[in-house]
């Protein structure tokens, strides 16, 4: 179904092959845009931006600001990634997860 495509990298202007298996992978992930950079330029760009591939985000950036709170369910002291305003309940990780499963 897919065939290898020869493309030109928009960074280094070198030709690279967008293989049939890569195309299939992109389609399975729902990606609609083909890569515009060769694999080495893509890797260099990721390295430069500090993206580590983990769900947490980017290496070169500061940690997320956390705020102290008291769990509205169990009363435990916890830290949350937003400043509680007091008008809505705040839950610790365990209580939040147990409430999500409903």
N, C-alpha and C. Protein backbone atom coordinates (compact mmCIF):
# COMPACT_ATOMS: atom_id res chain seq x y z
N UNK A 1 0.82 -1.19 0.00
CA UNK A 1 0.00 0.00 0.00
C UNK A 1 0.87 1.26 0.00
N UNK A 2 1.87 1.31 0.89
CA UNK A 2 2.77 2.45 0.95
C UNK A 2 4.04 2.14 0.16
N UNK A 3 4.63 3.19 -0.42
CA UNK A 3 5.89 3.03 -1.13
C UNK A 3 6.88 4.06 -0.60
N UNK A 4 8.16 3.69 -0.58
CA UNK A 4 9.19 4.63 -0.13
C UNK A 4 9.12 5.92 -0.95
N UNK A 5 9.33 7.06 -0.28
CA UNK A 5 9.34 8.36 -0.94
C UNK A 5 10.67 9.03 -0.65
N UNK A 6 11.26 9.63 -1.67
CA UNK A 6 12.47 10.41 -1.47
C UNK A 6 12.05 11.86 -1.26
N UNK A 7 12.49 12.43 -0.15
CA UNK A 7 12.13 13.81 0.20
C UNK A 7 13.42 14.61 0.39
N UNK A 8 13.29 15.92 0.39
CA UNK A 8 14.43 16.81 0.62
C UNK A 8 14.21 17.51 1.96
N UNK A 9 15.20 17.43 2.84
CA UNK A 9 15.14 18.02 4.16
C UNK A 9 15.11 19.54 4.06
N UNK A 10 14.19 20.18 4.77
CA UNK A 10 14.09 21.63 4.72
C UNK A 10 15.15 22.32 5.57
N UNK A 11 15.91 21.56 6.37
CA UNK A 11 17.01 22.12 7.16
C UNK A 11 18.33 22.06 6.39
N UNK A 12 18.70 20.85 5.99
CA UNK A 12 20.03 20.65 5.40
C UNK A 12 20.01 20.45 3.88
N UNK A 13 18.82 20.40 3.30
CA UNK A 13 18.64 20.21 1.85
C UNK A 13 19.18 18.90 1.32
N UNK A 14 19.38 17.91 2.19
CA UNK A 14 19.82 16.59 1.77
C UNK A 14 18.60 15.71 1.53
N UNK A 15 18.72 14.78 0.60
CA UNK A 15 17.64 13.84 0.35
C UNK A 15 17.60 12.80 1.46
N UNK A 16 16.39 12.37 1.81
CA UNK A 16 16.22 11.27 2.74
C UNK A 16 15.00 10.47 2.30
N UNK A 17 14.93 9.23 2.73
CA UNK A 17 13.84 8.36 2.33
C UNK A 17 12.82 8.27 3.45
N UNK A 18 11.59 8.59 3.12
CA UNK A 18 10.45 8.40 4.02
C UNK A 18 9.91 7.02 3.66
N UNK A 19 10.33 6.02 4.45
CA UNK A 19 10.05 4.63 4.08
C UNK A 19 8.58 4.27 4.21
N UNK A 20 8.22 3.19 3.55
CA UNK A 20 6.85 2.69 3.60
C UNK A 20 6.46 2.35 5.04
N UNK A 21 7.38 1.76 5.80
CA UNK A 21 7.06 1.42 7.19
C UNK A 21 6.90 2.67 8.05
N UNK A 22 7.68 3.71 7.79
CA UNK A 22 7.50 4.98 8.51
C UNK A 22 6.14 5.59 8.16
N UNK A 23 5.77 5.51 6.89
CA UNK A 23 4.47 6.05 6.47
C UNK A 23 3.33 5.31 7.17
N UNK A 24 3.47 4.00 7.26
CA UNK A 24 2.45 3.19 7.93
C UNK A 24 2.37 3.57 9.41
N UNK A 25 3.54 3.77 10.05
CA UNK A 25 3.58 4.17 11.44
C UNK A 25 2.89 5.53 11.63
N UNK A 26 3.22 6.50 10.78
CA UNK A 26 2.61 7.83 10.86
C UNK A 26 1.10 7.72 10.74
N UNK A 27 0.63 6.90 9.79
CA UNK A 27 -0.81 6.73 9.59
C UNK A 27 -1.47 6.09 10.82
N UNK A 28 -0.80 5.11 11.42
CA UNK A 28 -1.37 4.43 12.59
C UNK A 28 -1.49 5.37 13.78
N UNK A 29 -0.63 6.39 13.85
CA UNK A 29 -0.69 7.38 14.93
C UNK A 29 -1.63 8.53 14.60
N UNK A 30 -2.16 8.54 13.39
CA UNK A 30 -3.08 9.60 12.99
C UNK A 30 -2.39 10.86 12.52
N UNK A 31 -1.08 10.79 12.27
CA UNK A 31 -0.35 11.95 11.79
C UNK A 31 -0.72 12.20 10.34
N UNK A 32 -1.01 13.44 9.99
CA UNK A 32 -1.41 13.76 8.63
C UNK A 32 -0.30 14.46 7.84
N UNK A 33 0.70 14.99 8.54
CA UNK A 33 1.80 15.68 7.86
C UNK A 33 3.01 14.76 7.74
N UNK A 34 3.62 14.76 6.60
CA UNK A 34 4.85 14.00 6.40
C UNK A 34 6.01 14.78 6.99
N UNK A 35 7.09 14.10 7.38
CA UNK A 35 8.22 14.83 7.94
C UNK A 35 8.87 15.73 6.90
N UNK A 36 9.28 16.90 7.32
CA UNK A 36 9.96 17.84 6.43
C UNK A 36 11.46 17.85 6.66
N UNK A 37 11.90 17.14 7.71
CA UNK A 37 13.33 17.08 8.04
C UNK A 37 13.81 15.64 8.01
N UNK A 38 15.08 15.48 7.68
CA UNK A 38 15.68 14.15 7.68
C UNK A 38 15.81 13.67 9.13
N UNK A 39 16.02 12.37 9.34
CA UNK A 39 16.11 11.86 10.71
C UNK A 39 17.18 12.55 11.56
N UNK A 40 18.34 12.87 10.99
CA UNK A 40 19.38 13.51 11.80
C UNK A 40 19.00 14.94 12.17
N UNK A 41 18.36 15.68 11.28
CA UNK A 41 17.91 17.04 11.61
C UNK A 41 16.76 17.01 12.61
N UNK A 42 15.89 15.99 12.51
CA UNK A 42 14.81 15.85 13.50
C UNK A 42 15.39 15.59 14.88
N UNK A 43 16.40 14.71 14.94
CA UNK A 43 17.03 14.40 16.22
C UNK A 43 17.73 15.63 16.79
N UNK A 44 18.42 16.38 15.93
CA UNK A 44 19.11 17.59 16.39
C UNK A 44 18.11 18.62 16.91
N UNK A 45 16.99 18.73 16.25
CA UNK A 45 15.96 19.68 16.68
C UNK A 45 15.38 19.29 18.03
N UNK A 46 15.13 17.99 18.21
CA UNK A 46 14.62 17.52 19.50
C UNK A 46 15.64 17.79 20.60
N UNK A 47 16.90 17.53 20.32
CA UNK A 47 17.97 17.76 21.29
C UNK A 47 18.07 19.23 21.65
N UNK A 48 17.99 20.08 20.65
CA UNK A 48 18.10 21.53 20.87
C UNK A 48 16.94 22.05 21.71
N UNK A 49 15.74 21.55 21.46
CA UNK A 49 14.57 22.03 22.20
C UNK A 49 14.50 21.43 23.60
N UNK A 50 15.27 20.36 23.83
CA UNK A 50 15.28 19.74 25.15
C UNK A 50 14.18 18.73 25.35
N UNK A 51 13.46 18.39 24.29
CA UNK A 51 12.39 17.41 24.45
C UNK A 51 12.97 16.07 24.79
N UNK A 52 12.46 15.46 25.87
CA UNK A 52 13.03 14.18 26.30
C UNK A 52 12.17 12.98 25.94
N UNK A 53 11.03 13.20 25.30
CA UNK A 53 10.19 12.09 24.88
C UNK A 53 9.31 11.55 25.98
N UNK A 54 9.52 11.96 27.21
CA UNK A 54 8.68 11.51 28.30
C UNK A 54 7.44 12.36 28.38
N UNK A 55 6.47 11.84 29.03
CA UNK A 55 5.21 12.56 29.14
C UNK A 55 5.38 13.88 29.91
N UNK A 56 6.40 13.96 30.73
CA UNK A 56 6.63 15.14 31.55
C UNK A 56 6.96 16.38 30.75
N UNK A 57 7.45 16.25 29.53
CA UNK A 57 7.68 17.43 28.72
C UNK A 57 9.11 17.68 28.35
N UNK A 58 9.65 18.80 28.78
CA UNK A 58 10.91 19.27 28.27
C UNK A 58 11.97 19.32 29.35
N UNK A 59 13.18 18.90 28.99
CA UNK A 59 14.30 18.88 29.93
C UNK A 59 14.75 20.27 30.33
N UNK A 60 14.85 21.18 29.39
CA UNK A 60 15.46 22.47 29.62
C UNK A 60 14.57 23.47 30.35
N UNK A 61 13.43 23.06 30.78
CA UNK A 61 12.50 23.98 31.43
C UNK A 61 12.42 23.71 32.92
N UNK A 62 11.99 24.71 33.66
CA UNK A 62 11.89 24.57 35.10
C UNK A 62 10.75 23.63 35.47
N UNK A 63 10.83 23.14 36.69
CA UNK A 63 9.80 22.25 37.20
C UNK A 63 8.47 22.99 37.30
N UNK A 64 7.40 22.26 37.26
CA UNK A 64 6.06 22.84 37.39
C UNK A 64 5.89 23.38 38.82
N UNK A 65 5.31 24.54 38.93
CA UNK A 65 5.02 25.14 40.23
C UNK A 65 3.96 24.30 40.93
N UNK A 66 4.22 23.93 42.18
CA UNK A 66 3.27 23.14 42.95
C UNK A 66 2.84 23.96 44.17
N UNK A 67 1.62 23.72 44.62
CA UNK A 67 1.05 24.48 45.74
C UNK A 67 0.55 23.52 46.82
N UNK A 68 0.74 23.89 48.07
CA UNK A 68 0.25 23.04 49.16
C UNK A 68 -1.28 23.11 49.25
N UNK A 69 -1.88 21.98 49.64
CA UNK A 69 -3.32 21.92 49.80
C UNK A 69 -3.66 20.80 50.78
N UNK A 70 -4.89 20.80 51.25
CA UNK A 70 -5.40 19.74 52.11
C UNK A 70 -6.49 19.02 51.33
N UNK A 71 -6.37 17.70 51.25
CA UNK A 71 -7.34 16.90 50.49
C UNK A 71 -8.73 17.06 51.09
N UNK A 72 -9.70 17.35 50.24
CA UNK A 72 -11.09 17.54 50.68
C UNK A 72 -11.74 16.22 51.09
N UNK A 73 -11.16 15.10 50.68
CA UNK A 73 -11.75 13.81 50.98
C UNK A 73 -11.15 13.17 52.23
N UNK A 74 -9.82 13.04 52.27
CA UNK A 74 -9.18 12.32 53.39
C UNK A 74 -8.46 13.25 54.37
N UNK A 75 -8.30 14.53 54.03
CA UNK A 75 -7.66 15.48 54.93
C UNK A 75 -6.14 15.47 54.91
N UNK A 76 -5.54 14.69 54.01
CA UNK A 76 -4.08 14.61 53.95
C UNK A 76 -3.50 15.88 53.34
N UNK A 77 -2.30 16.24 53.80
CA UNK A 77 -1.58 17.35 53.17
C UNK A 77 -1.05 16.85 51.84
N UNK A 78 -1.17 17.66 50.81
CA UNK A 78 -0.75 17.27 49.47
C UNK A 78 -0.24 18.49 48.71
N UNK A 79 0.31 18.25 47.53
CA UNK A 79 0.77 19.32 46.64
C UNK A 79 0.01 19.17 45.33
N UNK A 80 -0.46 20.28 44.79
CA UNK A 80 -1.22 20.26 43.55
C UNK A 80 -0.61 21.25 42.55
N UNK A 81 -0.79 21.03 41.23
CA UNK A 81 -0.17 21.89 40.21
C UNK A 81 -0.96 23.16 39.89
N UNK A 82 -1.83 23.59 40.80
CA UNK A 82 -2.61 24.82 40.62
C UNK A 82 -2.81 25.44 41.99
N UNK A 83 -3.05 26.72 42.03
CA UNK A 83 -3.28 27.39 43.30
C UNK A 83 -4.75 27.23 43.68
N UNK A 84 -5.03 26.50 44.75
CA UNK A 84 -6.43 26.30 45.15
C UNK A 84 -7.09 27.63 45.49
N UNK A 85 -8.30 27.80 44.99
CA UNK A 85 -9.02 29.06 45.22
C UNK A 85 -9.94 28.96 46.43
N UNK A 86 -10.21 27.74 46.88
CA UNK A 86 -11.07 27.56 48.04
C UNK A 86 -12.53 27.34 47.70
N UNK A 87 -12.93 27.60 46.47
CA UNK A 87 -14.34 27.43 46.10
C UNK A 87 -14.66 26.05 45.52
N UNK A 88 -13.63 25.24 45.27
CA UNK A 88 -13.83 23.90 44.74
C UNK A 88 -13.01 22.92 45.57
N UNK A 89 -13.45 21.66 45.66
CA UNK A 89 -12.68 20.67 46.42
C UNK A 89 -11.35 20.35 45.74
N UNK A 90 -10.36 20.02 46.56
CA UNK A 90 -9.03 19.63 46.08
C UNK A 90 -8.75 18.25 46.66
N UNK A 91 -8.21 17.36 45.81
CA UNK A 91 -7.97 16.00 46.24
C UNK A 91 -6.49 15.62 46.12
N UNK A 92 -6.04 14.74 47.03
CA UNK A 92 -4.70 14.17 46.91
C UNK A 92 -4.72 13.21 45.72
N UNK A 93 -3.56 12.73 45.33
CA UNK A 93 -3.46 11.85 44.17
C UNK A 93 -4.35 10.60 44.32
N UNK A 94 -4.29 9.95 45.48
CA UNK A 94 -5.06 8.71 45.67
C UNK A 94 -6.56 8.95 45.60
N UNK A 95 -7.03 10.01 46.28
CA UNK A 95 -8.47 10.30 46.26
C UNK A 95 -8.92 10.75 44.86
N UNK A 96 -8.07 11.51 44.19
CA UNK A 96 -8.41 11.94 42.84
C UNK A 96 -8.55 10.74 41.91
N UNK A 97 -7.59 9.79 41.99
CA UNK A 97 -7.65 8.60 41.15
C UNK A 97 -8.89 7.75 41.47
N UNK A 98 -9.23 7.62 42.74
CA UNK A 98 -10.39 6.81 43.08
C UNK A 98 -11.68 7.47 42.61
N UNK A 99 -11.74 8.79 42.60
CA UNK A 99 -12.92 9.50 42.12
C UNK A 99 -13.02 9.45 40.60
N UNK A 100 -11.89 9.40 39.90
CA UNK A 100 -11.88 9.34 38.42
C UNK A 100 -12.46 8.04 37.90
N UNK A 101 -12.34 6.97 38.66
CA UNK A 101 -12.76 5.65 38.17
C UNK A 101 -14.27 5.49 38.15
N UNK A 102 -15.03 6.46 38.62
CA UNK A 102 -16.51 6.35 38.61
C UNK A 102 -17.05 6.48 37.25
